[in-house]
Every structure is written in structure tokens, then in C-alpha cells.
PDB file of N, CA and C in Angstrom:
ATOM      1  N   UNK A   1      35.256 -16.692 -70.172  1.00  0.00           N
ATOM      2  CA  UNK A   1      35.324 -17.508 -68.259  1.00  0.00           C
ATOM      3  C   UNK A   1      36.385 -16.928 -68.257  1.00  0.00           C
ATOM      4  N   UNK A   2      36.651 -16.535 -66.813  1.00  0.00           N
ATOM      5  CA  UNK A   2      37.520 -16.615 -66.195  1.00  0.00           C
ATOM      6  C   UNK A   2      37.265 -17.307 -65.293  1.00  0.00           C
ATOM      7  N   UNK A   3      37.809 -18.626 -64.539  1.00  0.00           N
ATOM      8  CA  UNK A   3      38.250 -18.833 -63.243  1.00  0.00           C
ATOM      9  C   UNK A   3      39.463 -19.171 -62.815  1.00  0.00           C
ATOM     10  N   UNK A   4      38.763 -18.231 -61.504  1.00  0.00           N
ATOM     11  CA  UNK A   4      39.791 -17.809 -60.603  1.00  0.00           C
ATOM     12  C   UNK A   4      39.125 -17.812 -59.275  1.00  0.00           C
ATOM     13  N   UNK A   5      39.960 -16.717 -58.111  1.00  0.00           N
ATOM     14  CA  UNK A   5      38.581 -16.663 -56.684  1.00  0.00           C
ATOM     15  C   UNK A   5      37.632 -16.115 -57.486  1.00  0.00           C
ATOM     16  N   UNK A   6      36.245 -15.813 -58.862  1.00  0.00           N
ATOM     17  CA  UNK A   6      35.545 -15.580 -58.650  1.00  0.00           C
ATOM     18  C   UNK A   6      34.451 -16.742 -58.319  1.00  0.00           C
ATOM     19  N   UNK A   7      34.813 -17.342 -58.746  1.00  0.00           N
ATOM     20  CA  UNK A   7      33.735 -19.302 -58.044  1.00  0.00           C
ATOM     21  C   UNK A   7      33.495 -19.028 -56.991  1.00  0.00           C
ATOM     22  N   UNK A   8      34.865 -18.826 -56.123  1.00  0.00           N
ATOM     23  CA  UNK A   8      34.777 -18.858 -54.788  1.00  0.00           C
ATOM     24  C   UNK A   8      34.093 -18.192 -53.702  1.00  0.00           C
ATOM     25  N   UNK A   9      34.088 -16.471 -54.433  1.00  0.00           N
ATOM     26  CA  UNK A   9      33.756 -15.564 -54.033  1.00  0.00           C
ATOM     27  C   UNK A   9      32.051 -15.606 -54.475  1.00  0.00           C
ATOM     28  N   UNK A  10      31.574 -16.019 -55.438  1.00  0.00           N
ATOM     29  CA  UNK A  10      30.613 -16.219 -56.197  1.00  0.00           C
ATOM     30  C   UNK A  10      29.503 -17.383 -55.332  1.00  0.00           C
ATOM     31  N   UNK A  11      30.492 -18.417 -54.685  1.00  0.00           N
ATOM     32  CA  UNK A  11      29.434 -19.038 -54.110  1.00  0.00           C
ATOM     33  C   UNK A  11      29.125 -17.962 -52.158  1.00  0.00           C
ATOM     34  N   UNK A  12      30.595 -18.014 -51.956  1.00  0.00           N
ATOM     35  CA  UNK A  12      30.816 -17.288 -50.694  1.00  0.00           C
ATOM     36  C   UNK A  12      28.879 -16.193 -50.569  1.00  0.00           C
ATOM     37  N   UNK A  13      29.056 -15.493 -51.770  1.00  0.00           N
ATOM     38  CA  UNK A  13      28.625 -14.716 -51.712  1.00  0.00           C
ATOM     39  C   UNK A  13      27.346 -15.266 -51.990  1.00  0.00           C
ATOM     40  N   UNK A  14      26.515 -16.284 -52.857  1.00  0.00           N
ATOM     41  CA  UNK A  14      25.715 -17.051 -52.501  1.00  0.00           C
ATOM     42  C   UNK A  14      25.315 -18.479 -51.379  1.00  0.00           C
ATOM     43  N   UNK A  15      25.876 -18.308 -49.994  1.00  0.00           N
ATOM     44  CA  UNK A  15      25.781 -18.903 -49.049  1.00  0.00           C
ATOM     45  C   UNK A  15      25.257 -17.242 -48.146  1.00  0.00           C
ATOM     46  N   UNK A  16      26.406 -16.534 -48.356  1.00  0.00           N
ATOM     47  CA  UNK A  16      25.965 -15.324 -47.549  1.00  0.00           C
ATOM     48  C   UNK A  16      24.333 -14.854 -47.187  1.00  0.00           C
ATOM     49  N   UNK A  17      24.414 -14.633 -49.255  1.00  0.00           N
ATOM     50  CA  UNK A  17      22.935 -13.834 -48.651  1.00  0.00           C
ATOM     51  C   UNK A  17      22.009 -15.021 -48.083  1.00  0.00           C
ATOM     52  N   UNK A  18      22.103 -16.826 -48.853  1.00  0.00           N
ATOM     53  CA  UNK A  18      20.642 -16.926 -47.977  1.00  0.00           C
ATOM     54  C   UNK A  18      20.909 -16.929 -46.471  1.00  0.00           C
ATOM     55  N   UNK A  19      22.364 -16.963 -45.972  1.00  0.00           N
ATOM     56  CA  UNK A  19      21.728 -17.256 -44.325  1.00  0.00           C
ATOM     57  C   UNK A  19      21.888 -15.755 -43.869  1.00  0.00           C
ATOM     58  N   UNK A  20      22.226 -14.597 -44.514  1.00  0.00           N
ATOM     59  CA  UNK A  20      22.052 -12.912 -43.746  1.00  0.00           C
ATOM     60  C   UNK A  20      20.408 -13.705 -43.619  1.00  0.00           C
ATOM     61  N   UNK A  21      20.006 -13.564 -44.878  1.00  0.00           N
ATOM     62  CA  UNK A  21      17.949 -13.016 -44.826  1.00  0.00           C
ATOM     63  C   UNK A  21      17.555 -14.217 -43.909  1.00  0.00           C
ATOM     64  N   UNK A  22      18.016 -14.832 -43.621  1.00  0.00           N
ATOM     65  CA  UNK A  22      17.503 -15.287 -41.555  1.00  0.00           C
ATOM     66  C   UNK A  22      17.715 -14.426 -40.487  1.00  0.00           C
ATOM     67  N   UNK A  23      17.846 -14.015 -39.212  1.00  0.00           N
ATOM     68  CA  UNK A  23      17.813 -13.683 -38.009  1.00  0.00           C
ATOM     69  C   UNK A  23      18.708 -14.526 -37.228  1.00  0.00           C
ATOM     70  N   UNK A  24      17.998 -15.578 -36.542  1.00  0.00           N
ATOM     71  CA  UNK A  24      18.625 -16.680 -36.357  1.00  0.00           C
ATOM     72  C   UNK A  24      17.605 -18.154 -36.776  1.00  0.00           C
ATOM     73  N   UNK A  25      18.791 -19.303 -35.878  1.00  0.00           N
ATOM     74  CA  UNK A  25      17.990 -20.884 -36.460  1.00  0.00           C
ATOM     75  C   UNK A  25      17.894 -21.138 -35.275  1.00  0.00           C
ATOM     76  N   UNK A  26      16.917 -22.400 -34.996  1.00  0.00           N
ATOM     77  CA  UNK A  26      16.970 -23.204 -34.006  1.00  0.00           C
ATOM     78  C   UNK A  26      17.814 -23.913 -33.311  1.00  0.00           C
ATOM     79  N   UNK A  27      18.306 -24.348 -34.495  1.00  0.00           N
ATOM     80  CA  UNK A  27      20.000 -24.991 -33.938  1.00  0.00           C
ATOM     81  C   UNK A  27      20.873 -25.150 -35.584  1.00  0.00           C
ATOM     82  N   UNK A  28      22.009 -25.998 -34.973  1.00  0.00           N
ATOM     83  CA  UNK A  28      22.802 -26.063 -35.964  1.00  0.00           C
ATOM     84  C   UNK A  28      22.563 -27.017 -37.064  1.00  0.00           C
ATOM     85  N   UNK A  29      21.909 -27.829 -36.547  1.00  0.00           N
ATOM     86  CA  UNK A  29      21.357 -29.087 -37.219  1.00  0.00           C
ATOM     87  C   UNK A  29      20.129 -27.906 -39.112  1.00  0.00           C
ATOM     88  N   UNK A  30      19.737 -26.976 -38.977  1.00  0.00           N
ATOM     89  CA  UNK A  30      18.597 -26.064 -39.068  1.00  0.00           C
ATOM     90  C   UNK A  30      19.806 -25.581 -39.898  1.00  0.00           C
ATOM     91  N   UNK A  31      21.167 -24.806 -39.881  1.00  0.00           N
ATOM     92  CA  UNK A  31      22.136 -24.162 -41.053  1.00  0.00           C
ATOM     93  C   UNK A  31      22.495 -25.000 -41.594  1.00  0.00           C
ATOM     94  N   UNK A  32      22.890 -26.208 -41.223  1.00  0.00           N
ATOM     95  CA  UNK A  32      23.454 -27.559 -42.178  1.00  0.00           C
ATOM     96  C   UNK A  32      21.861 -27.613 -43.472  1.00  0.00           C
ATOM     97  N   UNK A  33      21.088 -27.468 -43.099  1.00  0.00           N
ATOM     98  CA  UNK A  33      19.801 -28.437 -44.450  1.00  0.00           C
ATOM     99  C   UNK A  33      20.071 -27.396 -44.933  1.00  0.00           C
ATOM    100  N   UNK A  34      20.108 -25.923 -44.557  1.00  0.00           N
ATOM    101  CA  UNK A  34      19.939 -24.718 -45.309  1.00  0.00           C
ATOM    102  C   UNK A  34      21.190 -24.264 -46.194  1.00  0.00           C
ATOM    103  N   UNK A  35      22.102 -24.874 -45.573  1.00  0.00           N
ATOM    104  CA  UNK A  35      24.078 -24.738 -46.406  1.00  0.00           C
ATOM    105  C   UNK A  35      23.560 -25.685 -47.153  1.00  0.00           C
ATOM    106  N   UNK A  36      22.855 -26.873 -47.155  1.00  0.00           N
ATOM    107  CA  UNK A  36      22.892 -28.027 -48.067  1.00  0.00           C
ATOM    108  C   UNK A  36      21.797 -27.525 -49.034  1.00  0.00           C
ATOM    109  N   UNK A  37      20.792 -27.661 -48.562  1.00  0.00           N
ATOM    110  CA  UNK A  37      18.915 -26.814 -50.279  1.00  0.00           C
ATOM    111  C   UNK A  37      20.144 -25.764 -50.867  1.00  0.00           C
ATOM    112  N   UNK A  38      20.688 -24.935 -50.531  1.00  0.00           N
ATOM    113  CA  UNK A  38      21.326 -24.227 -50.844  1.00  0.00           C
ATOM    114  C   UNK A  38      22.313 -24.515 -51.904  1.00  0.00           C
ATOM    115  N   UNK A  39      23.553 -24.446 -51.681  1.00  0.00           N
ATOM    116  CA  UNK A  39      24.573 -25.832 -52.617  1.00  0.00           C
ATOM    117  C   UNK A  39      24.515 -26.391 -53.997  1.00  0.00           C
ATOM    118  N   UNK A  40      22.901 -27.012 -53.479  1.00  0.00           N
ATOM    119  CA  UNK A  40      21.595 -27.830 -54.396  1.00  0.00           C
ATOM    120  C   UNK A  40      21.792 -26.725 -55.531  1.00  0.00           C
ATOM    121  N   UNK A  41      21.534 -25.524 -54.868  1.00  0.00           N
ATOM    122  CA  UNK A  41      20.553 -24.907 -56.358  1.00  0.00           C
ATOM    123  C   UNK A  41      21.547 -23.846 -56.894  1.00  0.00           C
ATOM    124  N   UNK A  42      22.772 -24.141 -56.272  1.00  0.00           N
ATOM    125  CA  UNK A  42      23.968 -23.186 -57.144  1.00  0.00           C
ATOM    126  C   UNK A  42      24.594 -23.964 -57.112  1.00  0.00           C
ATOM    127  N   UNK A  43      24.926 -25.407 -57.254  1.00  0.00           N
ATOM    128  CA  UNK A  43      25.049 -26.583 -58.022  1.00  0.00           C
ATOM    129  C   UNK A  43      24.633 -26.611 -60.022  1.00  0.00           C
ATOM    130  N   UNK A  44      23.409 -26.340 -59.805  1.00  0.00           N
ATOM    131  CA  UNK A  44      22.468 -26.452 -60.612  1.00  0.00           C
ATOM    132  C   UNK A  44      22.834 -24.844 -62.125  1.00  0.00           C
ATOM    133  N   UNK A  45      23.293 -24.084 -61.377  1.00  0.00           N
ATOM    134  CA  UNK A  45      24.502 -23.259 -62.590  1.00  0.00           C
ATOM    135  C   UNK A  45      25.607 -23.383 -61.819  1.00  0.00           C
ATOM    136  N   UNK A  46      25.831 -24.370 -61.784  1.00  0.00           N
ATOM    137  CA  UNK A  46      27.450 -24.809 -63.149  1.00  0.00           C
ATOM    138  C   UNK A  46      27.221 -26.312 -63.917  1.00  0.00           C
ATOM    139  N   UNK A  47      26.434 -26.074 -63.751  1.00  0.00           N
ATOM    140  CA  UNK A  47      26.406 -27.567 -65.132  1.00  0.00           C
ATOM    141  C   UNK A  47      25.924 -26.990 -65.960  1.00  0.00           C
ATOM    142  N   UNK A  48      25.315 -25.266 -66.807  1.00  0.00           N
ATOM    143  CA  UNK A  48      25.066 -24.613 -66.990  1.00  0.00           C
ATOM    144  C   UNK A  48      25.698 -24.431 -68.334  1.00  0.00           C
ATOM    145  N   UNK A  49      25.890 -24.881 -69.782  1.00  0.00           N
ATOM    146  CA  UNK A  49      26.774 -24.421 -70.835  1.00  0.00           C
ATOM    147  C   UNK A  49      26.890 -23.088 -70.327  1.00  0.00           C
ATOM    148  N   UNK A  50      28.401 -22.431 -70.635  1.00  0.00           N
ATOM    149  CA  UNK A  50      28.303 -21.240 -70.604  1.00  0.00           C
ATOM    150  C   UNK A  50      28.706 -20.376 -72.079  1.00  0.00           C
ATOM    151  N   UNK A  51      27.857 -19.496 -71.743  1.00  0.00           N
ATOM    152  CA  UNK A  51      27.484 -18.395 -73.119  1.00  0.00           C
ATOM    153  C   UNK A  51      28.577 -18.089 -73.738  1.00  0.00           C
ATOM    154  N   UNK A  52      27.852 -18.549 -74.994  1.00  0.00           N
ATOM    155  CA  UNK A  52      29.413 -17.897 -75.777  1.00  0.00           C
ATOM    156  C   UNK A  52      30.621 -18.070 -76.052  1.00  0.00           C
ATOM    157  N   UNK A  53      30.268 -19.702 -75.884  1.00  0.00           N
ATOM    158  CA  UNK A  53      31.977 -20.347 -75.646  1.00  0.00           C
ATOM    159  C   UNK A  53      32.484 -20.888 -77.161  1.00  0.00           C
ATOM    160  N   UNK A  54      31.500 -21.222 -77.662  1.00  0.00           N
ATOM    161  CA  UNK A  54      32.186 -21.253 -79.283  1.00  0.00           C
ATOM    162  C   UNK A  54      32.937 -20.181 -79.456  1.00  0.00           C
ATOM    163  N   UNK A  55      31.876 -18.756 -79.675  1.00  0.00           N
ATOM    164  CA  UNK A  55      32.902 -17.204 -79.892  1.00  0.00           C
ATOM    165  C   UNK A  55      33.578 -16.901 -79.632  1.00  0.00           C
ATOM    166  N   UNK A  56      34.142 -17.598 -77.858  1.00  0.00           N
ATOM    167  CA  UNK A  56      35.109 -16.868 -77.450  1.00  0.00           C
ATOM    168  C   UNK A  56      36.146 -17.994 -78.086  1.00  0.00           C
ATOM    169  N   UNK A  57      36.128 -18.910 -77.888  1.00  0.00           N
ATOM    170  CA  UNK A  57      37.030 -19.849 -78.106  1.00  0.00           C
ATOM    171  C   UNK A  57      37.820 -19.646 -79.743  1.00  0.00           C
ATOM    172  N   UNK A  58      36.735 -19.828 -80.540  1.00  0.00           N
ATOM    173  CA  UNK A  58      37.498 -19.037 -81.631  1.00  0.00           C
ATOM    174  C   UNK A  58      38.059 -17.704 -82.122  1.00  0.00           C
ATOM    175  N   UNK A  59      37.725 -16.614 -80.955  1.00  0.00           N
ATOM    176  CA  UNK A  59      38.480 -15.593 -81.019  1.00  0.00           C
ATOM    177  C   UNK A  59      39.752 -16.139 -80.338  1.00  0.00           C
ATOM    178  N   UNK A  60      39.873 -17.307 -79.293  1.00  0.00           N
ATOM    179  CA  UNK A  60      41.086 -17.437 -78.524  1.00  0.00           C
ATOM    180  C   UNK A  60      42.189 -17.846 -79.856  1.00  0.00           C
ATOM    181  N   UNK A  61      41.597 -18.290 -80.446  1.00  0.00           N
ATOM    182  CA  UNK A  61      42.485 -19.644 -81.304  1.00  0.00           C
ATOM    183  C   UNK A  61      42.978 -18.341 -82.565  1.00  0.00           C
ATOM    184  N   UNK A  62      42.201 -17.072 -82.678  1.00  0.00           N
ATOM    185  CA  UNK A  62      42.218 -16.349 -83.214  1.00  0.00           C
ATOM    186  C   UNK A  62      43.614 -15.638 -83.114  1.00  0.00           C
ATOM    187  N   UNK A  63      43.646 -15.077 -81.114  1.00  0.00           N
ATOM    188  CA  UNK A  63      44.751 -14.266 -81.169  1.00  0.00           C
ATOM    189  C   UNK A  63      45.960 -15.972 -80.527  1.00  0.00           C
ATOM    190  N   UNK A  64      45.562 -16.252 -79.871  1.00  0.00           N
ATOM    191  CA  UNK A  64      46.684 -17.256 -79.213  1.00  0.00           C
ATOM    192  C   UNK A  64      46.878 -18.414 -80.305  1.00  0.00           C
ATOM    193  N   UNK A  65      47.046 -18.787 -81.919  1.00  0.00           N
ATOM    194  CA  UNK A  65      47.134 -19.674 -82.324  1.00  0.00           C
ATOM    195  C   UNK A  65      47.723 -20.690 -82.070  1.00  0.00           C
ATOM    196  N   UNK A  66      48.982 -20.042 -81.001  1.00  0.00           N
ATOM    197  CA  UNK A  66      50.429 -21.855 -80.740  1.00  0.00           C
ATOM    198  C   UNK A  66      49.513 -22.256 -79.998  1.00  0.00           C
ATOM    199  N   UNK A  67      49.135 -21.535 -79.334  1.00  0.00           N
ATOM    200  CA  UNK A  67      48.289 -22.363 -77.401  1.00  0.00           C
ATOM    201  C   UNK A  67      47.150 -22.611 -77.774  1.00  0.00           C
ATOM    202  N   UNK A  68      45.466 -22.569 -78.771  1.00  0.00           N
ATOM    203  CA  UNK A  68      45.343 -23.160 -78.458  1.00  0.00           C
ATOM    204  C   UNK A  68      44.450 -24.364 -79.713  1.00  0.00           C
ATOM    205  N   UNK A  69      44.537 -25.427 -78.369  1.00  0.00           N
ATOM    206  CA  UNK A  69      44.343 -26.891 -80.565  1.00  0.00           C
ATOM    207  C   UNK A  69      43.119 -26.435 -81.248  1.00  0.00           C
ATOM    208  N   UNK A  70      43.213 -26.809 -82.898  1.00  0.00           N
ATOM    209  CA  UNK A  70      42.776 -26.359 -83.019  1.00  0.00           C
ATOM    210  C   UNK A  70      42.041 -27.881 -84.309  1.00  0.00           C
ATOM    211  N   UNK A  71      40.595 -28.518 -83.599  1.00  0.00           N
ATOM    212  CA  UNK A  71      40.246 -29.274 -83.534  1.00  0.00           C
ATOM    213  C   UNK A  71      39.631 -30.364 -85.139  1.00  0.00           C
TER     214      UNK A  71
END
């Protein structure tokens, strides 16, 4: 898992996908509500555990033994 601008780009893509699906909004409040609900659904993904993290951490411990603390 690489934490760089990928998270920001992913969030931006998800929000654009939601707003692009609708051609117009009756008012600004409708847009804010839509983005709020989209962010709530997107945030659910952030709480999921990272897949194969244990294997990746073990690999990092081998490659970077002086940098990764072993508990």
C-alpha cells in the first residue's frame, strides 16, 4: 500500500463519478447533500483492513531489516 497522492486522486475520482452521473442540480444544497452521502460511502472503504498487509510487512522486514521493527 503506497500512501501518496493516490488517496487524493481516488477520492476526487469517486466524487466526480457521483456528480458527473447527474446533469444538473436544483440548488447548491442538493450538491452538498449528494457529496456528503458519497463521502460517507467512500469512507467505509477506508476502514477496511489492507489486504495481504501481514505478508507485505514480513517482506519489508526482510528487505529493510534495519528500518522495520519486529514486534
